[in-house]
Amino acid sequence: MLSVLIPTYNYDISKLVAAIHAQLTNCAIAFEIIILEDGSTLKLNSSHNLDYTKVIKNTQNIGRVKARQDLALKAKYNWLLFLDADVFPKSKQFIYNYIEAMSHDYEAFFGGFAYHDDKPEKAFVLRWKYGKTKEQIPASVRNLSPYKVIISANYLIKKNVFNTINQKIEDNKGYGFDNYFGALLQDNKAKVYHLDNEVYHLGIEKSELYLKKKEQAALTLIHFYKTEGFNNHSNDLLQLFSKLNRIKLVWLFSVFYTLFKTIMKNNLLSKSPIIQVLQLYRISYMCHAYKKGTKL
């Protein structure tokens, strides 16, 4: 009935797997848990003595997109629950909520993200604050634009729908493919519904690393904007970039990035980053990278 698929890289997921397994067992359904060690160098998940649970190991890291495709190919059930390694269910009814959702006429369900209220150390504040502001969104709001807030760290999807969509991006490595995945769901008219069935995001990156990932995500958007037009999407950043390009103002934001990138970075790496500054940094970086021809 349900295949739970968890790609991981040098991250201890023993508590996550134990919690998910216990919930699945309590629901008394047919299930499997498949863990993909994607080129991990640390022996953190070498064995799980749990029924219907197995660990697969890659000798080399192939990236999250390809790892998910490999997991989907190995899954034997028609419903796939993808979880990132650095999450933990907020509710003890987490699995039950997804099982109940399966009876409704949708093809993909996104449970959402949650963040603990305690503010982390300075080095981690940017990721935490962005998550609290832009990702921790009630399902009632997410369902107003169902393809907009797509968080692939916690979602349930029909296997045939996933394979149709993910095969279009599986050869790509990088960061920021959730936006593209959402656009493809929209292109394929997939029936998407959002639930208040969150997981806590535990693996919060340091601000400097997260900022680099946001730059990588901008390059990902540029790549698909150039290669596929990316016309059918709900991504705010890409909509703004498309408009700036259409009215020929990309050059202006590129100059802005050159002049003010250091000032913006100083704020974003501080103990009190401003999310609006991050959004300005992202669009100006995107324009600058587009003008310079920066590639993935």
C-alpha atoms as a PDB file:
ATOM      1  CA  MET A   1       0.000   0.000   0.000  1.00  0.00           C
ATOM      2  CA  LEU A   2       2.702   2.524   0.967  1.00  0.00           C
ATOM      3  CA  SER A   3       6.419   2.813   0.210  1.00  0.00           C
ATOM      4  CA  VAL A   4       8.326   5.229   2.451  1.00  0.00           C
ATOM      5  CA  LEU A   5      11.460   6.404   0.648  1.00  0.00           C
ATOM      6  CA  ILE A   6      14.313   8.197   2.409  1.00  0.00           C
ATOM      7  CA  PRO A   7      17.508   9.285   0.621  1.00  0.00           C
ATOM      8  CA  THR A   8      20.307  10.222   2.999  1.00  0.00           C
ATOM      9  CA  TYR A   9      23.888  11.371   2.943  1.00  0.00           C
ATOM     10  CA  ASN A  10      25.990  11.221   6.144  1.00  0.00           C
ATOM     11  CA  TYR A  11      22.970  11.778   8.376  1.00  0.00           C
ATOM     12  CA  ASP A  12      21.725   9.595  11.224  1.00  0.00           C
ATOM     13  CA  ILE A  13      18.088   8.759  10.508  1.00  0.00           C
ATOM     14  CA  SER A  14      17.619   6.026  13.115  1.00  0.00           C
ATOM     15  CA  LYS A  15      15.111   8.050  15.193  1.00  0.00           C
ATOM     16  CA  LEU A  16      13.171   9.065  12.106  1.00  0.00           C
ATOM     17  CA  VAL A  17      12.948   5.497  10.813  1.00  0.00           C
ATOM     18  CA  ALA A  18      11.941   4.131  14.222  1.00  0.00           C
ATOM     19  CA  ALA A  19       9.154   6.715  14.576  1.00  0.00           C
ATOM     20  CA  ILE A  20       7.827   6.158  11.050  1.00  0.00           C
ATOM     21  CA  HIS A  21       8.000   2.380  11.415  1.00  0.00           C
ATOM     22  CA  ALA A  22       6.057   2.495  14.685  1.00  0.00           C
ATOM     23  CA  GLN A  23       3.314   4.614  13.119  1.00  0.00           C
ATOM     24  CA  LEU A  24       3.093   2.371  10.069  1.00  0.00           C
ATOM     25  CA  THR A  25       2.819  -0.707  12.263  1.00  0.00           C
ATOM     26  CA  ASN A  26       0.062   0.880  14.339  1.00  0.00           C
ATOM     27  CA  CYS A  27      -1.899   1.620  11.167  1.00  0.00           C
ATOM     28  CA  ALA A  28      -1.814  -2.071  10.223  1.00  0.00           C
ATOM     29  CA  ILE A  29      -1.204  -1.559   6.516  1.00  0.00           C
ATOM     30  CA  ALA A  30       1.125  -3.138   3.989  1.00  0.00           C
ATOM     31  CA  PHE A  31       4.256  -1.021   3.829  1.00  0.00           C
ATOM     32  CA  GLU A  32       7.965  -0.880   3.171  1.00  0.00           C
ATOM     33  CA  ILE A  33      10.700   1.556   4.144  1.00  0.00           C
ATOM     34  CA  ILE A  34      13.616   1.928   1.752  1.00  0.00           C
ATOM     35  CA  ILE A  35      16.669   3.960   2.755  1.00  0.00           C
ATOM     36  CA  LEU A  36      19.178   5.002   0.122  1.00  0.00           C
ATOM     37  CA  GLU A  37      22.650   5.795   1.424  1.00  0.00           C
ATOM     38  CA  ASP A  38      23.725   8.091  -1.390  1.00  0.00           C
ATOM     39  CA  GLY A  39      27.500   7.719  -1.310  1.00  0.00           C
ATOM     40  CA  SER A  40      27.709   8.299   2.440  1.00  0.00           C
ATOM     41  CA  THR A  41      31.185   8.105   3.945  1.00  0.00           C
ATOM     42  CA  LEU A  42      29.971   7.696   7.542  1.00  0.00           C
ATOM     43  CA  LYS A  43      28.478   4.426   8.758  1.00  0.00           C
ATOM     44  CA  LEU A  44      25.375   5.838  10.431  1.00  0.00           C
ATOM     45  CA  ASN A  45      22.590   3.698   8.979  1.00  0.00           C
ATOM     46  CA  SER A  46      24.345   0.444   8.193  1.00  0.00           C
ATOM     47  CA  SER A  47      21.617  -1.719   9.690  1.00  0.00           C
ATOM     48  CA  HIS A  48      17.973  -1.449  10.678  1.00  0.00           C
ATOM     49  CA  ASN A  49      16.554  -4.506  12.386  1.00  0.00           C
ATOM     50  CA  LEU A  50      12.997  -3.544  11.550  1.00  0.00           C
ATOM     51  CA  ASP A  51      10.488  -5.514   9.518  1.00  0.00           C
ATOM     52  CA  TYR A  52       9.916  -4.402   5.926  1.00  0.00           C
ATOM     53  CA  THR A  53      12.881  -2.025   6.106  1.00  0.00           C
ATOM     54  CA  LYS A  54      15.986  -2.135   3.952  1.00  0.00           C
ATOM     55  CA  VAL A  55      19.066  -0.050   3.289  1.00  0.00           C
ATOM     56  CA  ILE A  56      20.506   0.387  -0.210  1.00  0.00           C
ATOM     57  CA  LYS A  57      23.957   1.895  -0.671  1.00  0.00           C
ATOM     58  CA  ASN A  58      25.433   3.863  -3.536  1.00  0.00           C
ATOM     59  CA  THR A  59      29.204   3.993  -3.767  1.00  0.00           C
ATOM     60  CA  GLN A  60      29.033   7.499  -5.260  1.00  0.00           C
ATOM     61  CA  ASN A  61      26.733  10.415  -4.525  1.00  0.00           C
ATOM     62  CA  ILE A  62      24.213  10.858  -7.336  1.00  0.00           C
ATOM     63  CA  GLY A  63      22.200  13.738  -5.871  1.00  0.00           C
ATOM     64  CA  ARG A  64      18.699  14.001  -4.464  1.00  0.00           C
ATOM     65  CA  VAL A  65      16.818  14.045  -7.781  1.00  0.00           C
ATOM     66  CA  LYS A  66      18.384  10.858  -9.147  1.00  0.00           C
ATOM     67  CA  ALA A  67      18.314   9.222  -5.704  1.00  0.00           C
ATOM     68  CA  ARG A  68      14.564   9.711  -5.507  1.00  0.00           C
ATOM     69  CA  GLN A  69      14.131   8.254  -8.975  1.00  0.00           C
ATOM     70  CA  ASP A  70      16.142   5.176  -7.998  1.00  0.00           C
ATOM     71  CA  LEU A  71      14.053   4.764  -4.854  1.00  0.00           C
ATOM     72  CA  ALA A  72      10.834   5.053  -6.839  1.00  0.00           C
ATOM     73  CA  LEU A  73      11.991   2.343  -9.247  1.00  0.00           C
ATOM     74  CA  LYS A  74      12.691   0.007  -6.321  1.00  0.00           C
ATOM     75  CA  ALA A  75       9.383   0.723  -4.572  1.00  0.00           C
ATOM     76  CA  LYS A  76       6.725  -1.968  -4.886  1.00  0.00           C
ATOM     77  CA  TYR A  77       3.651   0.013  -3.845  1.00  0.00           C
ATOM     78  CA  ASN A  78       1.690   2.600  -5.814  1.00  0.00           C
ATOM     79  CA  TRP A  79       1.849   5.343  -3.184  1.00  0.00           C
ATOM     80  CA  LEU A  80       5.258   6.856  -2.423  1.00  0.00           C
ATOM     81  CA  LEU A  81       6.006   8.892   0.688  1.00  0.00           C
ATOM     82  CA  PHE A  82       9.248  10.836   0.257  1.00  0.00           C
ATOM     83  CA  LEU A  83      10.977  12.140   3.363  1.00  0.00           C
ATOM     84  CA  ASP A  84      14.276  13.952   3.658  1.00  0.00           C
ATOM     85  CA  ALA A  85      16.764  12.615   6.159  1.00  0.00           C
ATOM     86  CA  ASP A  86      16.808  15.726   8.346  1.00  0.00           C
ATOM     87  CA  VAL A  87      13.115  15.821   9.256  1.00  0.00           C
ATOM     88  CA  PHE A  88      10.901  14.422  12.016  1.00  0.00           C
ATOM     89  CA  PRO A  89       7.098  14.104  12.114  1.00  0.00           C
ATOM     90  CA  LYS A  90       5.326  16.784  14.115  1.00  0.00           C
ATOM     91  CA  SER A  91       2.340  14.541  14.855  1.00  0.00           C
ATOM     92  CA  LYS A  92       1.962  10.986  16.097  1.00  0.00           C
ATOM     93  CA  GLN A  93      -0.851  10.756  13.544  1.00  0.00           C
ATOM     94  CA  PHE A  94       1.526  11.652  10.712  1.00  0.00           C
ATOM     95  CA  ILE A  95       1.220   8.375   8.792  1.00  0.00           C
ATOM     96  CA  TYR A  96      -2.488   8.014   9.577  1.00  0.00           C
ATOM     97  CA  ASN A  97      -3.145  11.467   8.120  1.00  0.00           C
ATOM     98  CA  TYR A  98      -1.498  10.494   4.841  1.00  0.00           C
ATOM     99  CA  ILE A  99      -3.316   7.157   4.687  1.00  0.00           C
ATOM    100  CA  GLU A 100      -6.637   8.926   5.222  1.00  0.00           C
ATOM    101  CA  ALA A 101      -5.741  11.359   2.428  1.00  0.00           C
ATOM    102  CA  MET A 102      -5.243   8.508  -0.059  1.00  0.00           C
ATOM    103  CA  SER A 103      -9.003   7.957  -0.216  1.00  0.00           C
ATOM    104  CA  HIS A 104      -9.526  11.404  -1.737  1.00  0.00           C
ATOM    105  CA  ASP A 105      -9.299  12.200  -5.421  1.00  0.00           C
ATOM    106  CA  TYR A 106      -5.812  13.708  -5.548  1.00  0.00           C
ATOM    107  CA  GLU A 107      -2.508  12.487  -6.954  1.00  0.00           C
ATOM    108  CA  ALA A 108      -0.053  14.245  -4.637  1.00  0.00           C
ATOM    109  CA  PHE A 109      -0.233  15.529  -1.072  1.00  0.00           C
ATOM    110  CA  PHE A 110       2.256  17.932   0.494  1.00  0.00           C
ATOM    111  CA  GLY A 111       2.396  17.904   4.278  1.00  0.00           C
ATOM    112  CA  GLY A 112       4.486  21.009   4.845  1.00  0.00           C
ATOM    113  CA  PHE A 113       7.375  22.155   7.020  1.00  0.00           C
ATOM    114  CA  ALA A 114       7.536  23.288  10.645  1.00  0.00           C
ATOM    115  CA  TYR A 115      10.304  24.921  12.650  1.00  0.00           C
ATOM    116  CA  HIS A 116      10.884  25.020  16.377  1.00  0.00           C
ATOM    117  CA  ASP A 117      10.299  28.399  17.991  1.00  0.00           C
ATOM    118  CA  ASP A 118      13.652  28.639  19.739  1.00  0.00           C
ATOM    119  CA  LYS A 119      15.955  30.919  17.776  1.00  0.00           C
ATOM    120  CA  PRO A 120      19.206  29.121  16.884  1.00  0.00           C
ATOM    121  CA  GLU A 121      22.759  30.427  17.156  1.00  0.00           C
ATOM    122  CA  LYS A 122      23.772  33.338  14.943  1.00  0.00           C
ATOM    123  CA  ALA A 123      25.401  31.093  12.332  1.00  0.00           C
ATOM    124  CA  PHE A 124      22.063  29.359  11.621  1.00  0.00           C
ATOM    125  CA  VAL A 125      19.562  32.205  11.928  1.00  0.00           C
ATOM    126  CA  LEU A 126      19.067  32.929   8.201  1.00  0.00           C
ATOM    127  CA  ARG A 127      17.850  29.423   7.321  1.00  0.00           C
ATOM    128  CA  TRP A 128      15.627  29.264  10.402  1.00  0.00           C
ATOM    129  CA  LYS A 129      14.100  32.690   9.787  1.00  0.00           C
ATOM    130  CA  TYR A 130      13.471  32.000   6.110  1.00  0.00           C
ATOM    131  CA  GLY A 131      11.793  28.723   7.024  1.00  0.00           C
ATOM    132  CA  LYS A 132       9.580  30.330   9.647  1.00  0.00           C
ATOM    133  CA  THR A 133       8.628  33.122   7.241  1.00  0.00           C
ATOM    134  CA  LYS A 134       8.345  31.452   3.842  1.00  0.00           C
ATOM    135  CA  GLU A 135       7.936  27.698   4.413  1.00  0.00           C
ATOM    136  CA  GLN A 136       5.906  27.276   7.609  1.00  0.00           C
ATOM    137  CA  ILE A 137       2.610  28.061   5.909  1.00  0.00           C
ATOM    138  CA  PRO A 138      -0.825  26.641   6.813  1.00  0.00           C
ATOM    139  CA  ALA A 139      -2.364  24.266   4.299  1.00  0.00           C
ATOM    140  CA  SER A 140      -5.336  26.596   3.861  1.00  0.00           C
ATOM    141  CA  VAL A 141      -2.973  29.212   2.425  1.00  0.00           C
ATOM    142  CA  ARG A 142      -0.896  26.756   0.393  1.00  0.00           C
ATOM    143  CA  ASN A 143      -4.026  25.383  -1.260  1.00  0.00           C
ATOM    144  CA  LEU A 144      -4.861  28.813  -2.663  1.00  0.00           C
ATOM    145  CA  SER A 145      -1.898  28.325  -5.062  1.00  0.00           C
ATOM    146  CA  PRO A 146      -1.236  24.579  -4.847  1.00  0.00           C
ATOM    147  CA  TYR A 147       1.823  24.536  -7.125  1.00  0.00           C
ATOM    148  CA  LYS A 148       3.595  27.438  -5.438  1.00  0.00           C
ATOM    149  CA  VAL A 149       4.917  26.157  -2.082  1.00  0.00           C
ATOM    150  CA  ILE A 150       6.266  22.758  -3.095  1.00  0.00           C
ATOM    151  CA  ILE A 151       8.474  21.226  -0.408  1.00  0.00           C
ATOM    152  CA  SER A 152       9.758  17.839  -1.478  1.00  0.00           C
ATOM    153  CA  ALA A 153      11.094  16.956   1.969  1.00  0.00           C
ATOM    154  CA  ASN A 154       7.660  15.642   2.944  1.00  0.00           C
ATOM    155  CA  TYR A 155       5.146  14.554   0.342  1.00  0.00           C
ATOM    156  CA  LEU A 156       2.990  11.649  -0.787  1.00  0.00           C
ATOM    157  CA  ILE A 157       2.531  10.976  -4.487  1.00  0.00           C
ATOM    158  CA  LYS A 158       1.232   8.291  -6.808  1.00  0.00           C
ATOM    159  CA  LYS A 159       4.086   6.333  -8.324  1.00  0.00           C
ATOM    160  CA  ASN A 160       3.035   6.792 -11.955  1.00  0.00           C
ATOM    161  CA  VAL A 161       2.701  10.555 -11.512  1.00  0.00           C
ATOM    162  CA  PHE A 162       6.099  10.822  -9.864  1.00  0.00           C
ATOM    163  CA  ASN A 163       7.794   8.785 -12.605  1.00  0.00           C
ATOM    164  CA  THR A 164       6.216  10.887 -15.347  1.00  0.00           C
ATOM    165  CA  ILE A 165       7.426  14.133 -13.805  1.00  0.00           C
ATOM    166  CA  ASN A 166      10.724  13.276 -12.160  1.00  0.00           C
ATOM    167  CA  GLN A 167      12.195  11.612 -15.245  1.00  0.00           C
ATOM    168  CA  LYS A 168      12.324  15.068 -16.851  1.00  0.00           C
ATOM    169  CA  ILE A 169      14.790  16.327 -14.233  1.00  0.00           C
ATOM    170  CA  GLU A 170      16.539  13.223 -12.903  1.00  0.00           C
ATOM    171  CA  ASP A 171      19.768  13.814 -14.826  1.00  0.00           C
ATOM    172  CA  ASN A 172      20.332  17.144 -13.097  1.00  0.00           C
ATOM    173  CA  LYS A 173      22.250  17.772  -9.913  1.00  0.00           C
ATOM    174  CA  GLY A 174      22.106  20.923  -7.879  1.00  0.00           C
ATOM    175  CA  TYR A 175      19.716  22.794  -5.603  1.00  0.00           C
ATOM    176  CA  GLY A 176      16.343  24.397  -6.147  1.00  0.00           C
ATOM    177  CA  PHE A 177      14.533  21.704  -8.106  1.00  0.00           C
ATOM    178  CA  ASP A 178      11.399  21.955  -5.947  1.00  0.00           C
ATOM    179  CA  ASN A 179      10.399  25.006  -8.001  1.00  0.00           C
ATOM    180  CA  TYR A 180      10.800  23.071 -11.233  1.00  0.00           C
ATOM    181  CA  PHE A 181       9.002  20.053  -9.798  1.00  0.00           C
ATOM    182  CA  GLY A 182       6.069  22.304  -8.931  1.00  0.00           C
ATOM    183  CA  ALA A 183       6.027  23.747 -12.449  1.00  0.00           C
ATOM    184  CA  LEU A 184       5.979  20.245 -13.929  1.00  0.00           C
ATOM    185  CA  LEU A 185       3.126  19.218 -11.639  1.00  0.00           C
ATOM    186  CA  GLN A 186       1.256  22.236 -12.951  1.00  0.00           C
ATOM    187  CA  ASP A 187       2.146  21.475 -16.585  1.00  0.00           C
ATOM    188  CA  ASN A 188       0.883  17.925 -16.176  1.00  0.00           C
ATOM    189  CA  LYS A 189      -2.295  19.103 -14.426  1.00  0.00           C
ATOM    190  CA  ALA A 190      -1.541  16.825 -11.485  1.00  0.00           C
ATOM    191  CA  LYS A 191      -4.169  16.989  -8.743  1.00  0.00           C
ATOM    192  CA  VAL A 192      -2.278  18.461  -5.794  1.00  0.00           C
ATOM    193  CA  TYR A 193      -3.562  19.041  -2.268  1.00  0.00           C
ATOM    194  CA  HIS A 194      -1.808  20.434   0.793  1.00  0.00           C
ATOM    195  CA  LEU A 195      -2.255  19.107   4.326  1.00  0.00           C
ATOM    196  CA  ASP A 196      -1.361  20.354   7.781  1.00  0.00           C
ATOM    197  CA  ASN A 197       0.807  17.274   8.283  1.00  0.00           C
ATOM    198  CA  GLU A 198       4.164  18.863   8.881  1.00  0.00           C
ATOM    199  CA  VAL A 199       7.603  17.558   9.635  1.00  0.00           C
ATOM    200  CA  TYR A 200      10.068  19.534  11.693  1.00  0.00           C
ATOM    201  CA  HIS A 201      13.073  20.611   9.664  1.00  0.00           C
ATOM    202  CA  LEU A 202      16.042  19.703  11.857  1.00  0.00           C
ATOM    203  CA  GLY A 203      19.073  19.950   9.575  1.00  0.00           C
ATOM    204  CA  ILE A 204      19.299  23.730   9.376  1.00  0.00           C
ATOM    205  CA  GLU A 205      22.372  24.837   7.434  1.00  0.00           C
ATOM    206  CA  LYS A 206      24.702  27.626   8.392  1.00  0.00           C
ATOM    207  CA  SER A 207      23.726  30.953   6.869  1.00  0.00           C
ATOM    208  CA  GLU A 208      26.732  31.115   4.550  1.00  0.00           C
ATOM    209  CA  LEU A 209      26.022  27.665   3.117  1.00  0.00           C
ATOM    210  CA  TYR A 210      22.324  28.422   2.768  1.00  0.00           C
ATOM    211  CA  LEU A 211      23.061  31.621   0.886  1.00  0.00           C
ATOM    212  CA  LYS A 212      25.207  29.629  -1.547  1.00  0.00           C
ATOM    213  CA  LYS A 213      22.333  27.186  -1.985  1.00  0.00           C
ATOM    214  CA  LYS A 214      20.000  30.065  -2.774  1.00  0.00           C
ATOM    215  CA  GLU A 215      22.462  31.187  -5.438  1.00  0.00           C
ATOM    216  CA  GLN A 216      22.474  27.643  -6.821  1.00  0.00           C
ATOM    217  CA  ALA A 217      18.669  27.641  -6.838  1.00  0.00           C
ATOM    218  CA  ALA A 218      18.701  30.884  -8.840  1.00  0.00           C
ATOM    219  CA  LEU A 219      21.006  29.270 -11.400  1.00  0.00           C
ATOM    220  CA  THR A 220      18.633  26.314 -11.595  1.00  0.00           C
ATOM    221  CA  LEU A 221      15.758  28.655 -12.393  1.00  0.00           C
ATOM    222  CA  ILE A 222      17.827  30.422 -15.058  1.00  0.00           C
ATOM    223  CA  HIS A 223      18.775  27.083 -16.602  1.00  0.00           C
ATOM    224  CA  PHE A 224      15.177  25.985 -17.058  1.00  0.00           C
ATOM    225  CA  TYR A 225      14.064  29.473 -18.059  1.00  0.00           C
ATOM    226  CA  LYS A 226      16.564  29.351 -20.928  1.00  0.00           C
ATOM    227  CA  THR A 227      16.074  25.747 -21.962  1.00  0.00           C
ATOM    228  CA  GLU A 228      12.327  25.280 -21.538  1.00  0.00           C
ATOM    229  CA  GLY A 229      10.766  28.703 -21.289  1.00  0.00           C
ATOM    230  CA  PHE A 230       9.238  27.761 -17.936  1.00  0.00           C
ATOM    231  CA  ASN A 231       5.993  29.554 -18.843  1.00  0.00           C
ATOM    232  CA  ASN A 232       3.603  27.601 -16.632  1.00  0.00           C
ATOM    233  CA  HIS A 233       4.732  28.180 -13.062  1.00  0.00           C
ATOM    234  CA  SER A 234       3.774  29.852  -9.775  1.00  0.00           C
ATOM    235  CA  ASN A 235       7.243  30.854  -8.623  1.00  0.00           C
ATOM    236  CA  ASP A 236       7.381  34.480  -7.437  1.00  0.00           C
ATOM    237  CA  LEU A 237      11.089  34.903  -8.106  1.00  0.00           C
ATOM    238  CA  LEU A 238      10.842  33.629 -11.661  1.00  0.00           C
ATOM    239  CA  GLN A 239       7.747  35.701 -12.338  1.00  0.00           C
ATOM    240  CA  LEU A 240       9.619  38.817 -11.237  1.00  0.00           C
ATOM    241  CA  PHE A 241      12.688  37.885 -13.268  1.00  0.00           C
ATOM    242  CA  SER A 242      10.553  37.239 -16.352  1.00  0.00           C
ATOM    243  CA  LYS A 243       8.940  40.647 -15.977  1.00  0.00           C
ATOM    244  CA  LEU A 244      12.305  42.399 -15.528  1.00  0.00           C
ATOM    245  CA  ASN A 245      13.649  40.638 -18.588  1.00  0.00           C
ATOM    246  CA  ARG A 246      10.575  41.548 -20.595  1.00  0.00           C
ATOM    247  CA  ILE A 247      10.859  45.266 -19.752  1.00  0.00           C
ATOM    248  CA  LYS A 248      14.654  45.147 -20.142  1.00  0.00           C
ATOM    249  CA  LEU A 249      15.617  45.974 -16.547  1.00  0.00           C
ATOM    250  CA  VAL A 250      17.759  42.922 -15.823  1.00  0.00           C
ATOM    251  CA  TRP A 251      20.874  45.021 -16.376  1.00  0.00           C
ATOM    252  CA  LEU A 252      19.811  47.457 -13.649  1.00  0.00           C
ATOM    253  CA  PHE A 253      19.418  44.733 -11.017  1.00  0.00           C
ATOM    254  CA  SER A 254      22.706  43.216 -12.149  1.00  0.00           C
ATOM    255  CA  VAL A 255      24.440  46.544 -11.474  1.00  0.00           C
ATOM    256  CA  PHE A 256      22.630  46.760  -8.126  1.00  0.00           C
ATOM    257  CA  TYR A 257      24.034  43.348  -7.159  1.00  0.00           C
ATOM    258  CA  THR A 258      27.571  44.411  -8.080  1.00  0.00           C
ATOM    259  CA  LEU A 259      27.308  47.575  -5.994  1.00  0.00           C
ATOM    260  CA  PHE A 260      25.482  46.263  -2.942  1.00  0.00           C
ATOM    261  CA  LYS A 261      26.211  42.534  -2.657  1.00  0.00           C
ATOM    262  CA  THR A 262      28.642  43.004   0.239  1.00  0.00           C
ATOM    263  CA  ILE A 263      26.185  45.139   2.207  1.00  0.00           C
ATOM    264  CA  MET A 264      23.392  42.632   1.612  1.00  0.00           C
ATOM    265  CA  LYS A 265      25.587  39.697   2.616  1.00  0.00           C
ATOM    266  CA  ASN A 266      26.639  41.433   5.810  1.00  0.00           C
ATOM    267  CA  ASN A 267      23.006  41.707   6.812  1.00  0.00           C
ATOM    268  CA  LEU A 268      22.095  38.163   5.788  1.00  0.00           C
ATOM    269  CA  LEU A 269      24.984  36.641   7.723  1.00  0.00           C
ATOM    270  CA  SER A 270      24.259  38.700  10.829  1.00  0.00           C
ATOM    271  CA  LYS A 271      22.253  37.667  13.900  1.00  0.00           C
ATOM    272  CA  SER A 272      19.242  39.645  12.610  1.00  0.00           C
ATOM    273  CA  PRO A 273      18.896  38.984   8.869  1.00  0.00           C
ATOM    274  CA  ILE A 274      16.041  40.670   7.021  1.00  0.00           C
ATOM    275  CA  ILE A 275      14.111  38.326   4.735  1.00  0.00           C
ATOM    276  CA  GLN A 276      13.261  41.163   2.343  1.00  0.00           C
ATOM    277  CA  VAL A 277      16.997  41.690   1.888  1.00  0.00           C
ATOM    278  CA  LEU A 278      17.347  38.003   1.036  1.00  0.00           C
ATOM    279  CA  GLN A 279      14.641  38.338  -1.605  1.00  0.00           C
ATOM    280  CA  LEU A 280      16.404  41.386  -3.057  1.00  0.00           C
ATOM    281  CA  TYR A 281      19.712  39.516  -2.982  1.00  0.00           C
ATOM    282  CA  ARG A 282      18.168  36.564  -4.824  1.00  0.00           C
ATOM    283  CA  ILE A 283      16.611  38.552  -7.671  1.00  0.00           C
ATOM    284  CA  SER A 284      19.652  40.789  -8.135  1.00  0.00           C
ATOM    285  CA  TYR A 285      21.978  37.761  -8.080  1.00  0.00           C
ATOM    286  CA  MET A 286      19.733  36.031 -10.611  1.00  0.00           C
ATOM    287  CA  CYS A 287      19.862  39.037 -12.942  1.00  0.00           C
ATOM    288  CA  HIS A 288      23.631  39.319 -12.522  1.00  0.00           C
ATOM    289  CA  ALA A 289      24.168  35.614 -13.246  1.00  0.00           C
ATOM    290  CA  TYR A 290      21.885  35.817 -16.293  1.00  0.00           C
ATOM    291  CA  LYS A 291      23.810  38.774 -17.706  1.00  0.00           C
ATOM    292  CA  LYS A 292      27.166  37.096 -17.062  1.00  0.00           C
ATOM    293  CA  GLY A 293      26.039  33.763 -18.512  1.00  0.00           C
ATOM    294  CA  THR A 294      26.814  31.870 -15.303  1.00  0.00           C
ATOM    295  CA  LYS A 295      25.988  28.172 -15.669  1.00  0.00           C
ATOM    296  CA  LEU A 296      24.894  25.439 -13.276  1.00  0.00           C
END
